[in-house]
Amino acid sequence: MHPHDPILQRRLPETTGLDRLPGTAPVGPADWILRDEAFAGQMALRDRLITERPGDVLRLAAPARDAADELLDEVLGTVIGRDGYSLGEARVTRPDGVTVTIDRAAPLATAGRLVQEDLCLLTRGESGEHLLTGAVLCFPASWSLADKFNRPLTRIHDPVKEYDGAVARRVQRLFDAIRPAIPLVRFNLLRYADPALHQPLAEGAHRERPGRGGYLRSERQCLLRLPNTGAVVFSIHTYVVRAPDK
């Protein structure tokens, strides 16, 4: 693959009934992490972003450090033993042959180099609402980690017109009800002119809208409760395919 070729999947996942806020369905305990045909390309890009631009793609609030450590353990427990992953002494070899050192001093960076998913940590604030207190976010779809970090869910979703008070209450009830070992999944679907995976956008800015053709971008979003810290993991597996020219 040429460095400037788009990183694409062949097809989008099935999203029927799971693309409306806050529609979700349960998935298997290990199925919050997936690997698809774009793994090698996406992981090479993740490696570059995490290594060369950590200030853009990584954030962790001090109170969420225990949750970040638990998240890394959850990721390791989910992928070790899967086809293509092997565990060595303080390192993991991925299905693409790249070896990643398990750096306990950098739990989110390490986790973000093991799987295709972006990983966000949400912890309950004093008001009872969940806040975004940690993330490894390599593939933002028109939002900025700097804008959303340490903000509550309602503030994070301010630009989303459909996210009104009623939806906010339903989402908070959903977060409160998530149980360990029973992840939930939902999807979104948007049309983009640019297939780039790393597309941060400052709040209030507008992205280019495609005409005919372009690309379809879908996020498989999972919610998982960490059993010890009680933090909620919001994982994002990004798919990009060429859109039909119509």
C-alpha atoms as a PDB file:
ATOM      1  CA  MET A   1       0.000   0.000   0.000  1.00  0.00           C
ATOM      2  CA  HIS A   2       1.305   3.468  -0.915  1.00  0.00           C
ATOM      3  CA  PRO A   3       1.585   5.773   2.135  1.00  0.00           C
ATOM      4  CA  HIS A   4      -1.042   8.107   0.635  1.00  0.00           C
ATOM      5  CA  ASP A   5      -3.532   5.411  -0.368  1.00  0.00           C
ATOM      6  CA  PRO A   6      -6.728   5.492   1.707  1.00  0.00           C
ATOM      7  CA  ILE A   7      -7.104   2.771   4.335  1.00  0.00           C
ATOM      8  CA  LEU A   8     -10.420   1.152   3.447  1.00  0.00           C
ATOM      9  CA  GLN A   9     -12.531  -1.856   4.355  1.00  0.00           C
ATOM     10  CA  ARG A  10     -14.391  -3.837   1.714  1.00  0.00           C
ATOM     11  CA  ARG A  11     -17.802  -3.432   3.343  1.00  0.00           C
ATOM     12  CA  LEU A  12     -19.582  -1.796   6.241  1.00  0.00           C
ATOM     13  CA  PRO A  13     -20.906  -3.774   9.207  1.00  0.00           C
ATOM     14  CA  GLU A  14     -24.615  -4.477   9.588  1.00  0.00           C
ATOM     15  CA  THR A  15     -26.175  -1.535  11.448  1.00  0.00           C
ATOM     16  CA  THR A  16     -29.921  -2.155  11.221  1.00  0.00           C
ATOM     17  CA  GLY A  17     -31.709  -0.660  14.210  1.00  0.00           C
ATOM     18  CA  LEU A  18     -28.497   0.352  15.963  1.00  0.00           C
ATOM     19  CA  ASP A  19     -27.853   3.738  14.358  1.00  0.00           C
ATOM     20  CA  ARG A  20     -30.380   5.810  16.331  1.00  0.00           C
ATOM     21  CA  LEU A  21     -29.519   7.534  19.624  1.00  0.00           C
ATOM     22  CA  PRO A  22     -29.074   5.826  21.984  1.00  0.00           C
ATOM     23  CA  GLY A  23     -30.037   2.457  20.410  1.00  0.00           C
ATOM     24  CA  THR A  24     -27.824  -0.373  21.625  1.00  0.00           C
ATOM     25  CA  ALA A  25     -27.710  -4.163  21.754  1.00  0.00           C
ATOM     26  CA  PRO A  26     -25.600  -6.554  23.863  1.00  0.00           C
ATOM     27  CA  VAL A  27     -22.609  -8.365  22.368  1.00  0.00           C
ATOM     28  CA  GLY A  28     -20.377 -11.163  23.629  1.00  0.00           C
ATOM     29  CA  PRO A  29     -17.926 -10.360  26.451  1.00  0.00           C
ATOM     30  CA  ALA A  30     -14.918 -10.322  24.106  1.00  0.00           C
ATOM     31  CA  ASP A  31     -16.662  -8.864  21.052  1.00  0.00           C
ATOM     32  CA  TRP A  32     -16.091  -5.209  21.956  1.00  0.00           C
ATOM     33  CA  ILE A  33     -12.754  -5.650  20.144  1.00  0.00           C
ATOM     34  CA  LEU A  34     -12.685  -6.780  16.504  1.00  0.00           C
ATOM     35  CA  ARG A  35     -10.038  -7.230  13.832  1.00  0.00           C
ATOM     36  CA  ASP A  36     -10.816  -6.769  10.140  1.00  0.00           C
ATOM     37  CA  GLU A  37      -9.014  -6.596   6.790  1.00  0.00           C
ATOM     38  CA  ALA A  38      -7.830  -3.005   7.407  1.00  0.00           C
ATOM     39  CA  PHE A  39      -5.902  -4.038  10.544  1.00  0.00           C
ATOM     40  CA  ALA A  40      -2.363  -3.630   9.197  1.00  0.00           C
ATOM     41  CA  GLY A  41      -3.010  -0.237   7.607  1.00  0.00           C
ATOM     42  CA  GLN A  42      -4.934   1.164  10.554  1.00  0.00           C
ATOM     43  CA  MET A  43      -2.381  -0.095  13.084  1.00  0.00           C
ATOM     44  CA  ALA A  44       0.569   1.388  11.177  1.00  0.00           C
ATOM     45  CA  LEU A  45      -1.199   4.760  11.270  1.00  0.00           C
ATOM     46  CA  ARG A  46      -2.036   4.342  14.968  1.00  0.00           C
ATOM     47  CA  ASP A  47       1.637   3.588  15.717  1.00  0.00           C
ATOM     48  CA  ARG A  48       2.732   6.771  13.940  1.00  0.00           C
ATOM     49  CA  LEU A  49       0.162   9.011  15.614  1.00  0.00           C
ATOM     50  CA  ILE A  50       0.777   7.666  19.134  1.00  0.00           C
ATOM     51  CA  THR A  51       4.556   7.880  18.722  1.00  0.00           C
ATOM     52  CA  GLU A  52       4.849  11.158  16.815  1.00  0.00           C
ATOM     53  CA  ARG A  53       1.778  13.127  17.954  1.00  0.00           C
ATOM     54  CA  PRO A  54       0.904  11.992  21.481  1.00  0.00           C
ATOM     55  CA  GLY A  55      -0.324  15.472  22.425  1.00  0.00           C
ATOM     56  CA  ASP A  56      -3.040  15.205  19.774  1.00  0.00           C
ATOM     57  CA  VAL A  57      -4.263  11.664  20.439  1.00  0.00           C
ATOM     58  CA  LEU A  58      -3.722  10.950  24.146  1.00  0.00           C
ATOM     59  CA  ARG A  59      -5.273  12.423  27.298  1.00  0.00           C
ATOM     60  CA  LEU A  60      -5.543  11.084  30.864  1.00  0.00           C
ATOM     61  CA  ALA A  61      -6.778  12.881  33.975  1.00  0.00           C
ATOM     62  CA  ALA A  62      -4.967  11.895  37.168  1.00  0.00           C
ATOM     63  CA  PRO A  63      -8.128  10.543  38.895  1.00  0.00           C
ATOM     64  CA  ALA A  64      -8.656   8.124  35.974  1.00  0.00           C
ATOM     65  CA  ARG A  65      -5.215   6.513  36.180  1.00  0.00           C
ATOM     66  CA  ASP A  66      -6.495   3.373  37.944  1.00  0.00           C
ATOM     67  CA  ALA A  67      -9.187   3.015  35.267  1.00  0.00           C
ATOM     68  CA  ALA A  68      -6.546   3.333  32.520  1.00  0.00           C
ATOM     69  CA  ASP A  69      -4.476   0.583  34.147  1.00  0.00           C
ATOM     70  CA  GLU A  70      -7.559  -1.627  34.344  1.00  0.00           C
ATOM     71  CA  LEU A  71      -8.416  -0.872  30.710  1.00  0.00           C
ATOM     72  CA  LEU A  72      -4.975  -2.041  29.572  1.00  0.00           C
ATOM     73  CA  ASP A  73      -5.443  -5.277  31.518  1.00  0.00           C
ATOM     74  CA  GLU A  74      -8.882  -5.704  29.909  1.00  0.00           C
ATOM     75  CA  VAL A  75      -7.439  -5.228  26.421  1.00  0.00           C
ATOM     76  CA  LEU A  76      -4.610  -7.690  27.106  1.00  0.00           C
ATOM     77  CA  GLY A  77      -7.030 -10.246  28.527  1.00  0.00           C
ATOM     78  CA  THR A  78      -9.245  -9.908  25.470  1.00  0.00           C
ATOM     79  CA  VAL A  79      -6.619 -10.204  22.713  1.00  0.00           C
ATOM     80  CA  ILE A  80      -4.093 -12.652  24.186  1.00  0.00           C
ATOM     81  CA  GLY A  81      -4.924 -16.096  22.877  1.00  0.00           C
ATOM     82  CA  ARG A  82      -6.692 -14.778  19.807  1.00  0.00           C
ATOM     83  CA  ASP A  83      -5.436 -15.847  16.412  1.00  0.00           C
ATOM     84  CA  GLY A  84      -2.442 -13.730  15.455  1.00  0.00           C
ATOM     85  CA  TYR A  85      -1.554 -12.323  18.902  1.00  0.00           C
ATOM     86  CA  SER A  86       1.258 -13.765  21.004  1.00  0.00           C
ATOM     87  CA  LEU A  87       2.528 -12.756  24.437  1.00  0.00           C
ATOM     88  CA  GLY A  88       6.207 -12.576  25.255  1.00  0.00           C
ATOM     89  CA  GLU A  89       7.992 -11.206  28.288  1.00  0.00           C
ATOM     90  CA  ALA A  90       6.513  -7.699  28.724  1.00  0.00           C
ATOM     91  CA  ARG A  91       5.604  -7.515  25.043  1.00  0.00           C
ATOM     92  CA  VAL A  92       2.856  -8.507  22.622  1.00  0.00           C
ATOM     93  CA  THR A  93       3.280  -9.385  18.963  1.00  0.00           C
ATOM     94  CA  ARG A  94       0.292  -8.291  16.899  1.00  0.00           C
ATOM     95  CA  PRO A  95      -1.230 -10.140  13.923  1.00  0.00           C
ATOM     96  CA  ASP A  96       0.675  -7.788  11.566  1.00  0.00           C
ATOM     97  CA  GLY A  97       3.989  -8.946  13.083  1.00  0.00           C
ATOM     98  CA  VAL A  98       4.702  -5.724  14.999  1.00  0.00           C
ATOM     99  CA  THR A  99       5.884  -6.196  18.597  1.00  0.00           C
ATOM    100  CA  VAL A 100       4.528  -3.758  21.205  1.00  0.00           C
ATOM    101  CA  THR A 101       6.202  -3.318  24.587  1.00  0.00           C
ATOM    102  CA  ILE A 102       3.743  -3.415  27.485  1.00  0.00           C
ATOM    103  CA  ASP A 103       4.535  -0.054  29.068  1.00  0.00           C
ATOM    104  CA  ARG A 104       2.702   0.116  32.400  1.00  0.00           C
ATOM    105  CA  ALA A 105       3.686   3.776  32.716  1.00  0.00           C
ATOM    106  CA  ALA A 106       1.689   4.547  29.539  1.00  0.00           C
ATOM    107  CA  PRO A 107      -1.413   2.323  29.701  1.00  0.00           C
ATOM    108  CA  LEU A 108      -3.525   4.155  27.112  1.00  0.00           C
ATOM    109  CA  ALA A 109      -0.713   4.463  24.572  1.00  0.00           C
ATOM    110  CA  THR A 110       0.036   0.759  24.970  1.00  0.00           C
ATOM    111  CA  ALA A 111      -3.604  -0.283  24.634  1.00  0.00           C
ATOM    112  CA  GLY A 112      -4.018   1.985  21.614  1.00  0.00           C
ATOM    113  CA  ARG A 113      -1.174   0.195  19.814  1.00  0.00           C
ATOM    114  CA  LEU A 114      -2.704  -3.244  20.330  1.00  0.00           C
ATOM    115  CA  VAL A 115      -6.166  -2.878  18.776  1.00  0.00           C
ATOM    116  CA  GLN A 116      -7.910  -1.019  15.959  1.00  0.00           C
ATOM    117  CA  GLU A 117     -10.365   0.574  18.368  1.00  0.00           C
ATOM    118  CA  ASP A 118     -10.016   4.045  19.800  1.00  0.00           C
ATOM    119  CA  LEU A 119     -10.579   3.828  23.554  1.00  0.00           C
ATOM    120  CA  CYS A 120     -12.270   6.481  25.695  1.00  0.00           C
ATOM    121  CA  LEU A 121     -12.682   6.342  29.478  1.00  0.00           C
ATOM    122  CA  LEU A 122     -15.725   7.886  31.125  1.00  0.00           C
ATOM    123  CA  THR A 123     -15.918   8.208  34.889  1.00  0.00           C
ATOM    124  CA  ARG A 124     -18.720   9.543  37.064  1.00  0.00           C
ATOM    125  CA  GLY A 125     -18.295  13.137  38.195  1.00  0.00           C
ATOM    126  CA  GLU A 126     -19.561  14.823  41.353  1.00  0.00           C
ATOM    127  CA  SER A 127     -22.791  15.826  39.580  1.00  0.00           C
ATOM    128  CA  GLY A 128     -23.524  12.171  38.791  1.00  0.00           C
ATOM    129  CA  GLU A 129     -22.879  12.663  35.076  1.00  0.00           C
ATOM    130  CA  HIS A 130     -20.054  10.807  33.321  1.00  0.00           C
ATOM    131  CA  LEU A 131     -17.011  12.777  32.131  1.00  0.00           C
ATOM    132  CA  LEU A 132     -14.431  11.952  29.457  1.00  0.00           C
ATOM    133  CA  THR A 133     -11.362  11.554  31.691  1.00  0.00           C
ATOM    134  CA  GLY A 134      -9.051   9.573  29.419  1.00  0.00           C
ATOM    135  CA  ALA A 135      -8.670   8.566  25.791  1.00  0.00           C
ATOM    136  CA  VAL A 136      -6.447   7.281  23.053  1.00  0.00           C
ATOM    137  CA  LEU A 137      -8.212   8.792  20.050  1.00  0.00           C
ATOM    138  CA  CYS A 138      -6.368   8.329  16.748  1.00  0.00           C
ATOM    139  CA  PHE A 139      -9.346   8.417  14.387  1.00  0.00           C
ATOM    140  CA  PRO A 140     -11.633  11.291  15.462  1.00  0.00           C
ATOM    141  CA  ALA A 141     -14.539  11.843  13.068  1.00  0.00           C
ATOM    142  CA  SER A 142     -14.854  15.638  13.033  1.00  0.00           C
ATOM    143  CA  TRP A 143     -14.274  16.332  16.714  1.00  0.00           C
ATOM    144  CA  SER A 144     -11.341  17.235  18.875  1.00  0.00           C
ATOM    145  CA  LEU A 145     -10.117  15.437  21.980  1.00  0.00           C
ATOM    146  CA  ALA A 146      -8.795  18.749  23.295  1.00  0.00           C
ATOM    147  CA  ASP A 147     -12.342  20.205  23.117  1.00  0.00           C
ATOM    148  CA  LYS A 148     -14.044  17.260  24.840  1.00  0.00           C
ATOM    149  CA  PHE A 149     -11.517  16.137  27.467  1.00  0.00           C
ATOM    150  CA  ASN A 150     -12.760  16.277  31.068  1.00  0.00           C
ATOM    151  CA  ARG A 151     -16.186  17.440  29.885  1.00  0.00           C
ATOM    152  CA  PRO A 152     -19.508  15.792  30.856  1.00  0.00           C
ATOM    153  CA  LEU A 153     -21.607  13.901  28.322  1.00  0.00           C
ATOM    154  CA  THR A 154     -24.113  16.725  27.831  1.00  0.00           C
ATOM    155  CA  ARG A 155     -21.332  19.216  27.087  1.00  0.00           C
ATOM    156  CA  ILE A 156     -19.552  16.756  24.787  1.00  0.00           C
ATOM    157  CA  HIS A 157     -22.712  16.370  22.703  1.00  0.00           C
ATOM    158  CA  ASP A 158     -23.618  20.074  22.519  1.00  0.00           C
ATOM    159  CA  PRO A 159     -23.057  20.207  18.725  1.00  0.00           C
ATOM    160  CA  VAL A 160     -25.343  17.175  18.140  1.00  0.00           C
ATOM    161  CA  LYS A 161     -28.797  18.591  17.465  1.00  0.00           C
ATOM    162  CA  GLU A 162     -30.568  15.289  18.165  1.00  0.00           C
ATOM    163  CA  TYR A 163     -28.951  15.112  21.627  1.00  0.00           C
ATOM    164  CA  ASP A 164     -31.663  16.968  23.523  1.00  0.00           C
ATOM    165  CA  GLY A 165     -32.551  16.753  27.206  1.00  0.00           C
ATOM    166  CA  ALA A 166     -34.639  13.607  26.775  1.00  0.00           C
ATOM    167  CA  VAL A 167     -31.864  11.779  24.923  1.00  0.00           C
ATOM    168  CA  ALA A 168     -29.291  12.971  27.483  1.00  0.00           C
ATOM    169  CA  ARG A 169     -31.350  11.453  30.312  1.00  0.00           C
ATOM    170  CA  ARG A 170     -31.739   8.173  28.409  1.00  0.00           C
ATOM    171  CA  VAL A 171     -28.001   8.022  27.719  1.00  0.00           C
ATOM    172  CA  GLN A 172     -27.149   8.687  31.374  1.00  0.00           C
ATOM    173  CA  ARG A 173     -29.562   5.941  32.467  1.00  0.00           C
ATOM    174  CA  LEU A 174     -27.910   3.651  29.925  1.00  0.00           C
ATOM    175  CA  PHE A 175     -24.451   4.417  31.335  1.00  0.00           C
ATOM    176  CA  ASP A 176     -25.680   3.788  34.864  1.00  0.00           C
ATOM    177  CA  ALA A 177     -27.141   0.406  33.867  1.00  0.00           C
ATOM    178  CA  ILE A 178     -24.104  -1.029  32.021  1.00  0.00           C
ATOM    179  CA  ARG A 179     -22.937  -4.235  33.672  1.00  0.00           C
ATOM    180  CA  PRO A 180     -19.433  -5.752  33.568  1.00  0.00           C
ATOM    181  CA  ALA A 181     -18.975  -8.580  31.029  1.00  0.00           C
ATOM    182  CA  ILE A 182     -22.045  -7.464  29.024  1.00  0.00           C
ATOM    183  CA  PRO A 183     -20.793  -4.895  26.491  1.00  0.00           C
ATOM    184  CA  LEU A 184     -23.299  -2.928  24.405  1.00  0.00           C
ATOM    185  CA  VAL A 185     -22.893  -1.952  20.750  1.00  0.00           C
ATOM    186  CA  ARG A 186     -24.281   0.781  18.478  1.00  0.00           C
ATOM    187  CA  PHE A 187     -23.301   2.295  15.120  1.00  0.00           C
ATOM    188  CA  ASN A 188     -23.358   5.570  13.255  1.00  0.00           C
ATOM    189  CA  LEU A 189     -23.044   6.263   9.535  1.00  0.00           C
ATOM    190  CA  LEU A 190     -21.882   9.430   7.782  1.00  0.00           C
ATOM    191  CA  ARG A 191     -20.806  10.402   4.265  1.00  0.00           C
ATOM    192  CA  TYR A 192     -17.364  12.007   3.922  1.00  0.00           C
ATOM    193  CA  ALA A 193     -15.494  13.622   1.035  1.00  0.00           C
ATOM    194  CA  ASP A 194     -12.121  12.678   2.559  1.00  0.00           C
ATOM    195  CA  PRO A 195     -11.308   9.042   3.503  1.00  0.00           C
ATOM    196  CA  ALA A 196      -8.601  10.041   6.030  1.00  0.00           C
ATOM    197  CA  LEU A 197      -9.052   8.304   9.373  1.00  0.00           C
ATOM    198  CA  HIS A 198      -7.509  11.080  11.492  1.00  0.00           C
ATOM    199  CA  GLN A 199      -9.959  13.953  11.002  1.00  0.00           C
ATOM    200  CA  PRO A 200     -10.014  16.168  14.107  1.00  0.00           C
ATOM    201  CA  LEU A 201     -12.219  19.235  13.865  1.00  0.00           C
ATOM    202  CA  ALA A 202     -12.495  22.080  16.341  1.00  0.00           C
ATOM    203  CA  GLU A 203     -15.917  22.675  17.830  1.00  0.00           C
ATOM    204  CA  GLY A 204     -17.838  25.164  15.703  1.00  0.00           C
ATOM    205  CA  ALA A 205     -15.862  24.415  12.524  1.00  0.00           C
ATOM    206  CA  HIS A 206     -17.554  22.773   9.544  1.00  0.00           C
ATOM    207  CA  ARG A 207     -16.313  19.784   7.576  1.00  0.00           C
ATOM    208  CA  GLU A 208     -16.499  19.526   3.806  1.00  0.00           C
ATOM    209  CA  ARG A 209     -19.715  17.871   2.653  1.00  0.00           C
ATOM    210  CA  PRO A 210     -19.360  15.436  -0.262  1.00  0.00           C
ATOM    211  CA  GLY A 211     -21.457  15.564  -3.370  1.00  0.00           C
ATOM    212  CA  ARG A 212     -21.924  12.379  -5.355  1.00  0.00           C
ATOM    213  CA  GLY A 213     -19.681   9.483  -4.418  1.00  0.00           C
ATOM    214  CA  GLY A 214     -17.144  10.137  -1.709  1.00  0.00           C
ATOM    215  CA  TYR A 215     -16.858   7.719   1.196  1.00  0.00           C
ATOM    216  CA  LEU A 216     -19.086   6.190   3.858  1.00  0.00           C
ATOM    217  CA  ARG A 217     -17.700   6.188   7.385  1.00  0.00           C
ATOM    218  CA  SER A 218     -19.224   4.089  10.152  1.00  0.00           C
ATOM    219  CA  GLU A 219     -18.209   3.736  13.787  1.00  0.00           C
ATOM    220  CA  ARG A 220     -18.924   0.538  15.683  1.00  0.00           C
ATOM    221  CA  GLN A 221     -19.193   1.947  19.196  1.00  0.00           C
ATOM    222  CA  CYS A 222     -19.132  -0.320  22.244  1.00  0.00           C
ATOM    223  CA  LEU A 223     -19.743   0.447  25.908  1.00  0.00           C
ATOM    224  CA  LEU A 224     -18.071  -1.703  28.548  1.00  0.00           C
ATOM    225  CA  ARG A 225     -18.072  -1.399  32.354  1.00  0.00           C
ATOM    226  CA  LEU A 226     -14.714  -2.082  34.019  1.00  0.00           C
ATOM    227  CA  PRO A 227     -15.474  -4.287  37.046  1.00  0.00           C
ATOM    228  CA  ASN A 228     -12.984  -2.878  39.566  1.00  0.00           C
ATOM    229  CA  THR A 229     -12.979   0.894  38.992  1.00  0.00           C
ATOM    230  CA  GLY A 230     -16.518   1.034  37.580  1.00  0.00           C
ATOM    231  CA  ALA A 231     -15.358   3.294  34.726  1.00  0.00           C
ATOM    232  CA  VAL A 232     -17.106   2.964  31.363  1.00  0.00           C
ATOM    233  CA  VAL A 233     -15.032   2.252  28.263  1.00  0.00           C
ATOM    234  CA  PHE A 234     -16.343   3.720  25.009  1.00  0.00           C
ATOM    235  CA  SER A 235     -14.562   1.939  22.165  1.00  0.00           C
ATOM    236  CA  ILE A 236     -14.732   3.061  18.528  1.00  0.00           C
ATOM    237  CA  HIS A 237     -13.934   0.764  15.599  1.00  0.00           C
ATOM    238  CA  THR A 238     -13.858   2.857  12.422  1.00  0.00           C
ATOM    239  CA  TYR A 239     -14.870   1.610   8.980  1.00  0.00           C
ATOM    240  CA  VAL A 240     -14.392   3.586   5.750  1.00  0.00           C
ATOM    241  CA  VAL A 241     -15.615   2.356   2.340  1.00  0.00           C
ATOM    242  CA  ARG A 242     -16.143   3.972  -1.041  1.00  0.00           C
ATOM    243  CA  ALA A 243     -19.680   5.313  -1.379  1.00  0.00           C
ATOM    244  CA  PRO A 244     -21.876   4.409  -4.327  1.00  0.00           C
ATOM    245  CA  ASP A 245     -21.773   7.144  -6.969  1.00  0.00           C
ATOM    246  CA  LYS A 246     -25.410   8.177  -6.673  1.00  0.00           C
END
